[in-house]
């Protein structure tokens, strides 16, 4: 019997693909990645301040940032 994976696979792949697009675009438009990271941070703060918790959304934004910061 396999163990259940607690990580939301859909959100993980969304983060991975988003980071891949941003990295690819940064190669053709230098500075894009930094602007994208800035926007991620702004959206993270906005969602964090919502009246209801949105843990998976915040987790997805965090994963996207982490993928972007990996070399």
PDB file of N, CA and C in Angstrom:
ATOM      1  N   UNK A   1       0.846  -1.178   0.000  1.00  0.00           N
ATOM      2  CA  UNK A   1       0.000   0.000   0.000  1.00  0.00           C
ATOM      3  C   UNK A   1       0.895   1.246   0.000  1.00  0.00           C
ATOM      4  N   UNK A   2       0.605   2.180  -0.879  1.00  0.00           N
ATOM      5  CA  UNK A   2       1.403   3.399  -0.947  1.00  0.00           C
ATOM      6  C   UNK A   2       0.856   4.440   0.018  1.00  0.00           C
ATOM      7  N   UNK A   3       1.766   5.263   0.489  1.00  0.00           N
ATOM      8  CA  UNK A   3       1.359   6.347   1.385  1.00  0.00           C
ATOM      9  C   UNK A   3       0.731   7.463   0.571  1.00  0.00           C
ATOM     10  N   UNK A   4      -0.265   8.098   1.149  1.00  0.00           N
ATOM     11  CA  UNK A   4      -0.899   9.231   0.482  1.00  0.00           C
ATOM     12  C   UNK A   4       0.032  10.433   0.560  1.00  0.00           C
ATOM     13  N   UNK A   5       0.187  11.114  -0.551  1.00  0.00           N
ATOM     14  CA  UNK A   5       1.036  12.297  -0.608  1.00  0.00           C
ATOM     15  C   UNK A   5       0.206  13.506  -0.174  1.00  0.00           C
ATOM     16  N   UNK A   6       0.617  14.208   0.886  1.00  0.00           N
ATOM     17  CA  UNK A   6      -0.174  15.333   1.385  1.00  0.00           C
ATOM     18  C   UNK A   6      -0.060  16.592   0.523  1.00  0.00           C
ATOM     19  N   UNK A   7       0.872  16.602  -0.419  1.00  0.00           N
ATOM     20  CA  UNK A   7       1.067  17.787  -1.256  1.00  0.00           C
ATOM     21  C   UNK A   7       0.054  17.772  -2.399  1.00  0.00           C
ATOM     22  N   UNK A   8      -0.610  18.896  -2.606  1.00  0.00           N
ATOM     23  CA  UNK A   8      -1.568  19.027  -3.695  1.00  0.00           C
ATOM     24  C   UNK A   8      -0.794  19.038  -5.011  1.00  0.00           C
ATOM     25  N   UNK A   9      -0.908  17.962  -5.768  1.00  0.00           N
ATOM     26  CA  UNK A   9      -0.131  17.794  -6.990  1.00  0.00           C
ATOM     27  C   UNK A   9      -0.489  18.829  -8.063  1.00  0.00           C
ATOM     28  N   UNK A  10      -1.745  19.206  -8.150  1.00  0.00           N
ATOM     29  CA  UNK A  10      -2.160  20.204  -9.138  1.00  0.00           C
ATOM     30  C   UNK A  10      -1.521  21.552  -8.834  1.00  0.00           C
ATOM     31  N   UNK A  11      -1.522  21.952  -7.593  1.00  0.00           N
ATOM     32  CA  UNK A  11      -0.934  23.240  -7.223  1.00  0.00           C
ATOM     33  C   UNK A  11       0.581  23.220  -7.405  1.00  0.00           C
ATOM     34  N   UNK A  12       1.198  22.079  -7.142  1.00  0.00           N
ATOM     35  CA  UNK A  12       2.643  21.955  -7.311  1.00  0.00           C
ATOM     36  C   UNK A  12       3.035  22.103  -8.776  1.00  0.00           C
ATOM     37  N   UNK A  13       2.296  21.470  -9.680  1.00  0.00           N
ATOM     38  CA  UNK A  13       2.639  21.570 -11.096  1.00  0.00           C
ATOM     39  C   UNK A  13       2.330  22.966 -11.634  1.00  0.00           C
ATOM     40  N   UNK A  14       1.284  23.612 -11.127  1.00  0.00           N
ATOM     41  CA  UNK A  14       0.999  24.999 -11.530  1.00  0.00           C
ATOM     42  C   UNK A  14       2.170  25.896 -11.144  1.00  0.00           C
ATOM     43  N   UNK A  15       2.695  25.712  -9.950  1.00  0.00           N
ATOM     44  CA  UNK A  15       3.846  26.500  -9.501  1.00  0.00           C
ATOM     45  C   UNK A  15       5.058  26.224 -10.375  1.00  0.00           C
ATOM     46  N   UNK A  16       5.288  24.966 -10.691  1.00  0.00           N
ATOM     47  CA  UNK A  16       6.439  24.578 -11.503  1.00  0.00           C
ATOM     48  C   UNK A  16       6.354  25.155 -12.916  1.00  0.00           C
ATOM     49  N   UNK A  17       5.201  25.023 -13.541  1.00  0.00           N
ATOM     50  CA  UNK A  17       5.020  25.539 -14.900  1.00  0.00           C
ATOM     51  C   UNK A  17       5.102  27.062 -14.920  1.00  0.00           C
ATOM     52  N   UNK A  18       4.497  27.719 -13.950  1.00  0.00           N
ATOM     53  CA  UNK A  18       4.557  29.187 -13.883  1.00  0.00           C
ATOM     54  C   UNK A  18       5.997  29.671 -13.760  1.00  0.00           C
ATOM     55  N   UNK A  19       6.762  29.018 -12.903  1.00  0.00           N
ATOM     56  CA  UNK A  19       8.166  29.393 -12.727  1.00  0.00           C
ATOM     57  C   UNK A  19       8.958  29.129 -14.000  1.00  0.00           C
ATOM     58  N   UNK A  20       8.662  28.035 -14.678  1.00  0.00           N
ATOM     59  CA  UNK A  20       9.360  27.717 -15.929  1.00  0.00           C
ATOM     60  C   UNK A  20       9.090  28.780 -16.989  1.00  0.00           C
ATOM     61  N   UNK A  21       7.839  29.205 -17.117  1.00  0.00           N
ATOM     62  CA  UNK A  21       7.497  30.267 -18.068  1.00  0.00           C
ATOM     63  C   UNK A  21       8.232  31.564 -17.720  1.00  0.00           C
ATOM     64  N   UNK A  22       8.228  31.915 -16.458  1.00  0.00           N
ATOM     65  CA  UNK A  22       8.879  33.160 -16.038  1.00  0.00           C
ATOM     66  C   UNK A  22      10.377  33.116 -16.311  1.00  0.00           C
ATOM     67  N   UNK A  23      11.012  31.981 -16.042  1.00  0.00           N
ATOM     68  CA  UNK A  23      12.450  31.850 -16.314  1.00  0.00           C
ATOM     69  C   UNK A  23      12.729  31.943 -17.811  1.00  0.00           C
ATOM     70  N   UNK A  24      11.894  31.296 -18.619  1.00  0.00           N
ATOM     71  CA  UNK A  24      12.077  31.345 -20.068  1.00  0.00           C
ATOM     72  C   UNK A  24      11.882  32.767 -20.594  1.00  0.00           C
ATOM     73  N   UNK A  25      10.868  33.455 -20.113  1.00  0.00           N
ATOM     74  CA  UNK A  25      10.621  34.831 -20.549  1.00  0.00           C
ATOM     75  C   UNK A  25      11.742  35.769 -20.118  1.00  0.00           C
ATOM     76  N   UNK A  26      12.335  35.497 -18.970  1.00  0.00           N
ATOM     77  CA  UNK A  26      13.426  36.337 -18.481  1.00  0.00           C
ATOM     78  C   UNK A  26      14.643  36.269 -19.403  1.00  0.00           C
ATOM     79  N   UNK A  27      14.827  35.148 -20.086  1.00  0.00           N
ATOM     80  CA  UNK A  27      15.951  35.012 -21.023  1.00  0.00           C
ATOM     81  C   UNK A  27      15.792  35.951 -22.212  1.00  0.00           C
ATOM     82  N   UNK A  28      14.549  36.219 -22.605  1.00  0.00           N
ATOM     83  CA  UNK A  28      14.273  37.092 -23.749  1.00  0.00           C
ATOM     84  C   UNK A  28      13.953  38.522 -23.335  1.00  0.00           C
ATOM     85  N   UNK A  29      13.573  38.680 -22.094  1.00  0.00           N
ATOM     86  CA  UNK A  29      13.212  39.995 -21.566  1.00  0.00           C
ATOM     87  C   UNK A  29      13.830  40.120 -20.174  1.00  0.00           C
ATOM     88  N   UNK A  30      15.134  40.438 -20.123  1.00  0.00           N
ATOM     89  CA  UNK A  30      15.810  40.521 -18.822  1.00  0.00           C
ATOM     90  C   UNK A  30      15.066  41.459 -17.862  1.00  0.00           C
ATOM     91  N   UNK A  31      14.935  41.009 -16.646  1.00  0.00           N
ATOM     92  CA  UNK A  31      14.207  41.772 -15.643  1.00  0.00           C
ATOM     93  C   UNK A  31      12.803  41.243 -15.412  1.00  0.00           C
ATOM     94  N   UNK A  32      12.331  40.408 -16.344  1.00  0.00           N
ATOM     95  CA  UNK A  32      10.978  39.865 -16.209  1.00  0.00           C
ATOM     96  C   UNK A  32      10.833  39.060 -14.926  1.00  0.00           C
ATOM     97  N   UNK A  33      11.823  38.229 -14.635  1.00  0.00           N
ATOM     98  CA  UNK A  33      11.764  37.366 -13.447  1.00  0.00           C
ATOM     99  C   UNK A  33      11.636  38.199 -12.173  1.00  0.00           C
ATOM    100  N   UNK A  34      12.411  39.261 -12.070  1.00  0.00           N
ATOM    101  CA  UNK A  34      12.346  40.108 -10.875  1.00  0.00           C
ATOM    102  C   UNK A  34      10.984  40.782 -10.742  1.00  0.00           C
ATOM    103  N   UNK A  35      10.443  41.238 -11.848  1.00  0.00           N
ATOM    104  CA  UNK A  35       9.108  41.856 -11.814  1.00  0.00           C
ATOM    105  C   UNK A  35       8.050  40.811 -11.447  1.00  0.00           C
ATOM    106  N   UNK A  36       8.206  39.613 -11.983  1.00  0.00           N
ATOM    107  CA  UNK A  36       7.282  38.520 -11.669  1.00  0.00           C
ATOM    108  C   UNK A  36       7.332  38.189 -10.179  1.00  0.00           C
ATOM    109  N   UNK A  37       8.546  38.113  -9.625  1.00  0.00           N
ATOM    110  CA  UNK A  37       8.708  37.848  -8.192  1.00  0.00           C
ATOM    111  C   UNK A  37       8.071  38.955  -7.349  1.00  0.00           C
ATOM    112  N   UNK A  38       8.216  40.179  -7.801  1.00  0.00           N
ATOM    113  CA  UNK A  38       7.606  41.311  -7.091  1.00  0.00           C
ATOM    114  C   UNK A  38       6.084  41.161  -7.076  1.00  0.00           C
ATOM    115  N   UNK A  39       5.520  40.807  -8.225  1.00  0.00           N
ATOM    116  CA  UNK A  39       4.071  40.612  -8.315  1.00  0.00           C
ATOM    117  C   UNK A  39       3.613  39.449  -7.438  1.00  0.00           C
ATOM    118  N   UNK A  40       4.389  38.364  -7.420  1.00  0.00           N
ATOM    119  CA  UNK A  40       4.054  37.232  -6.555  1.00  0.00           C
ATOM    120  C   UNK A  40       3.973  37.678  -5.102  1.00  0.00           C
ATOM    121  N   UNK A  41       4.952  38.459  -4.683  1.00  0.00           N
ATOM    122  CA  UNK A  41       4.979  38.949  -3.309  1.00  0.00           C
ATOM    123  C   UNK A  41       3.778  39.816  -2.984  1.00  0.00           C
ATOM    124  N   UNK A  42       3.404  40.671  -3.926  1.00  0.00           N
ATOM    125  CA  UNK A  42       2.245  41.537  -3.711  1.00  0.00           C
ATOM    126  C   UNK A  42       0.954  40.724  -3.607  1.00  0.00           C
ATOM    127  N   UNK A  43       0.818  39.733  -4.482  1.00  0.00           N
ATOM    128  CA  UNK A  43      -0.383  38.891  -4.433  1.00  0.00           C
ATOM    129  C   UNK A  43      -0.403  38.040  -3.168  1.00  0.00           C
ATOM    130  N   UNK A  44       0.758  37.583  -2.730  1.00  0.00           N
ATOM    131  CA  UNK A  44       0.838  36.809  -1.489  1.00  0.00           C
ATOM    132  C   UNK A  44       0.304  37.642  -0.323  1.00  0.00           C
ATOM    133  N   UNK A  45       0.783  38.879  -0.223  1.00  0.00           N
ATOM    134  CA  UNK A  45       0.334  39.758   0.867  1.00  0.00           C
ATOM    135  C   UNK A  45      -1.165  40.017   0.785  1.00  0.00           C
ATOM    136  N   UNK A  46      -1.659  40.240  -0.435  1.00  0.00           N
ATOM    137  CA  UNK A  46      -3.085  40.509  -0.624  1.00  0.00           C
ATOM    138  C   UNK A  46      -3.930  39.311  -0.185  1.00  0.00           C
ATOM    139  N   UNK A  47      -3.570  38.125  -0.648  1.00  0.00           N
ATOM    140  CA  UNK A  47      -4.343  36.923  -0.318  1.00  0.00           C
ATOM    141  C   UNK A  47      -4.243  36.596   1.168  1.00  0.00           C
ATOM    142  N   UNK A  48      -3.072  36.819   1.743  1.00  0.00           N
ATOM    143  CA  UNK A  48      -2.871  36.541   3.170  1.00  0.00           C
ATOM    144  C   UNK A  48      -3.802  37.398   4.030  1.00  0.00           C
ATOM    145  N   UNK A  49      -4.152  38.580   3.549  1.00  0.00           N
ATOM    146  CA  UNK A  49      -5.003  39.493   4.309  1.00  0.00           C
ATOM    147  C   UNK A  49      -6.500  39.276   4.084  1.00  0.00           C
ATOM    148  N   UNK A  50      -6.872  38.313   3.241  1.00  0.00           N
ATOM    149  CA  UNK A  50      -8.294  38.003   3.050  1.00  0.00           C
ATOM    150  C   UNK A  50      -8.888  37.527   4.370  1.00  0.00           C
ATOM    151  N   UNK A  51     -10.180  37.720   4.530  1.00  0.00           N
ATOM    152  CA  UNK A  51     -10.831  37.339   5.789  1.00  0.00           C
ATOM    153  C   UNK A  51     -10.843  35.824   6.006  1.00  0.00           C
ATOM    154  N   UNK A  52     -10.919  35.058   4.945  1.00  0.00           N
ATOM    155  CA  UNK A  52     -10.881  33.594   5.039  1.00  0.00           C
ATOM    156  C   UNK A  52      -9.477  33.103   4.691  1.00  0.00           C
ATOM    157  N   UNK A  53      -9.001  32.047   5.334  1.00  0.00           N
ATOM    158  CA  UNK A  53      -7.670  31.530   5.001  1.00  0.00           C
ATOM    159  C   UNK A  53      -7.661  30.849   3.630  1.00  0.00           C
ATOM    160  N   UNK A  54      -6.604  31.059   2.895  1.00  0.00           N
ATOM    161  CA  UNK A  54      -6.412  30.447   1.573  1.00  0.00           C
ATOM    162  C   UNK A  54      -5.035  29.800   1.547  1.00  0.00           C
ATOM    163  N   UNK A  55      -4.881  28.792   2.377  1.00  0.00           N
ATOM    164  CA  UNK A  55      -3.594  28.147   2.597  1.00  0.00           C
ATOM    165  C   UNK A  55      -2.999  27.581   1.315  1.00  0.00           C
ATOM    166  N   UNK A  56      -3.809  26.905   0.504  1.00  0.00           N
ATOM    167  CA  UNK A  56      -3.277  26.286  -0.710  1.00  0.00           C
ATOM    168  C   UNK A  56      -2.842  27.333  -1.735  1.00  0.00           C
ATOM    169  N   UNK A  57      -3.544  28.440  -1.816  1.00  0.00           N
ATOM    170  CA  UNK A  57      -3.138  29.508  -2.732  1.00  0.00           C
ATOM    171  C   UNK A  57      -1.801  30.093  -2.294  1.00  0.00           C
ATOM    172  N   UNK A  58      -1.659  30.345  -1.009  1.00  0.00           N
ATOM    173  CA  UNK A  58      -0.397  30.884  -0.486  1.00  0.00           C
ATOM    174  C   UNK A  58       0.737  29.883  -0.679  1.00  0.00           C
ATOM    175  N   UNK A  59       0.434  28.623  -0.488  1.00  0.00           N
ATOM    176  CA  UNK A  59       1.424  27.569  -0.687  1.00  0.00           C
ATOM    177  C   UNK A  59       1.880  27.537  -2.150  1.00  0.00           C
ATOM    178  N   UNK A  60       0.948  27.678  -3.079  1.00  0.00           N
ATOM    179  CA  UNK A  60       1.279  27.672  -4.504  1.00  0.00           C
ATOM    180  C   UNK A  60       2.163  28.862  -4.860  1.00  0.00           C
ATOM    181  N   UNK A  61       1.851  30.029  -4.338  1.00  0.00           N
ATOM    182  CA  UNK A  61       2.689  31.205  -4.586  1.00  0.00           C
ATOM    183  C   UNK A  61       4.087  31.007  -4.002  1.00  0.00           C
ATOM    184  N   UNK A  62       4.170  30.411  -2.834  1.00  0.00           N
ATOM    185  CA  UNK A  62       5.469  30.151  -2.206  1.00  0.00           C
ATOM    186  C   UNK A  62       6.280  29.171  -3.040  1.00  0.00           C
ATOM    187  N   UNK A  63       5.647  28.103  -3.505  1.00  0.00           N
ATOM    188  CA  UNK A  63       6.355  27.136  -4.350  1.00  0.00           C
ATOM    189  C   UNK A  63       6.846  27.797  -5.633  1.00  0.00           C
ATOM    190  N   UNK A  64       6.012  28.644  -6.233  1.00  0.00           N
ATOM    191  CA  UNK A  64       6.412  29.330  -7.462  1.00  0.00           C
ATOM    192  C   UNK A  64       7.651  30.173  -7.203  1.00  0.00           C
ATOM    193  N   UNK A  65       7.640  30.928  -6.120  1.00  0.00           N
ATOM    194  CA  UNK A  65       8.807  31.736  -5.752  1.00  0.00           C
ATOM    195  C   UNK A  65      10.039  30.859  -5.539  1.00  0.00           C
ATOM    196  N   UNK A  66       9.855  29.757  -4.838  1.00  0.00           N
ATOM    197  CA  UNK A  66      10.978  28.856  -4.568  1.00  0.00           C
ATOM    198  C   UNK A  66      11.552  28.269  -5.855  1.00  0.00           C
ATOM    199  N   UNK A  67      10.683  27.857  -6.784  1.00  0.00           N
ATOM    200  CA  UNK A  67      11.162  27.338  -8.070  1.00  0.00           C
ATOM    201  C   UNK A  67      11.915  28.415  -8.845  1.00  0.00           C
ATOM    202  N   UNK A  68      11.425  29.639  -8.803  1.00  0.00           N
ATOM    203  CA  UNK A  68      12.089  30.735  -9.521  1.00  0.00           C
ATOM    204  C   UNK A  68      13.462  31.051  -8.941  1.00  0.00           C
ATOM    205  N   UNK A  69      13.606  30.899  -7.661  1.00  0.00           N
ATOM    206  CA  UNK A  69      14.877  31.229  -7.015  1.00  0.00           C
ATOM    207  C   UNK A  69      15.907  30.107  -7.080  1.00  0.00           C
ATOM    208  N   UNK A  70      15.496  28.924  -7.547  1.00  0.00           N
ATOM    209  CA  UNK A  70      16.455  27.830  -7.749  1.00  0.00           C
ATOM    210  C   UNK A  70      17.190  28.065  -9.059  1.00  0.00           C
ATOM    211  N   UNK A  71      18.449  27.816  -9.049  1.00  0.00           N
ATOM    212  CA  UNK A  71      19.235  27.987 -10.289  1.00  0.00           C
ATOM    213  C   UNK A  71      19.358  26.708 -11.034  1.00  0.00           C
TER     214      UNK A  71
END
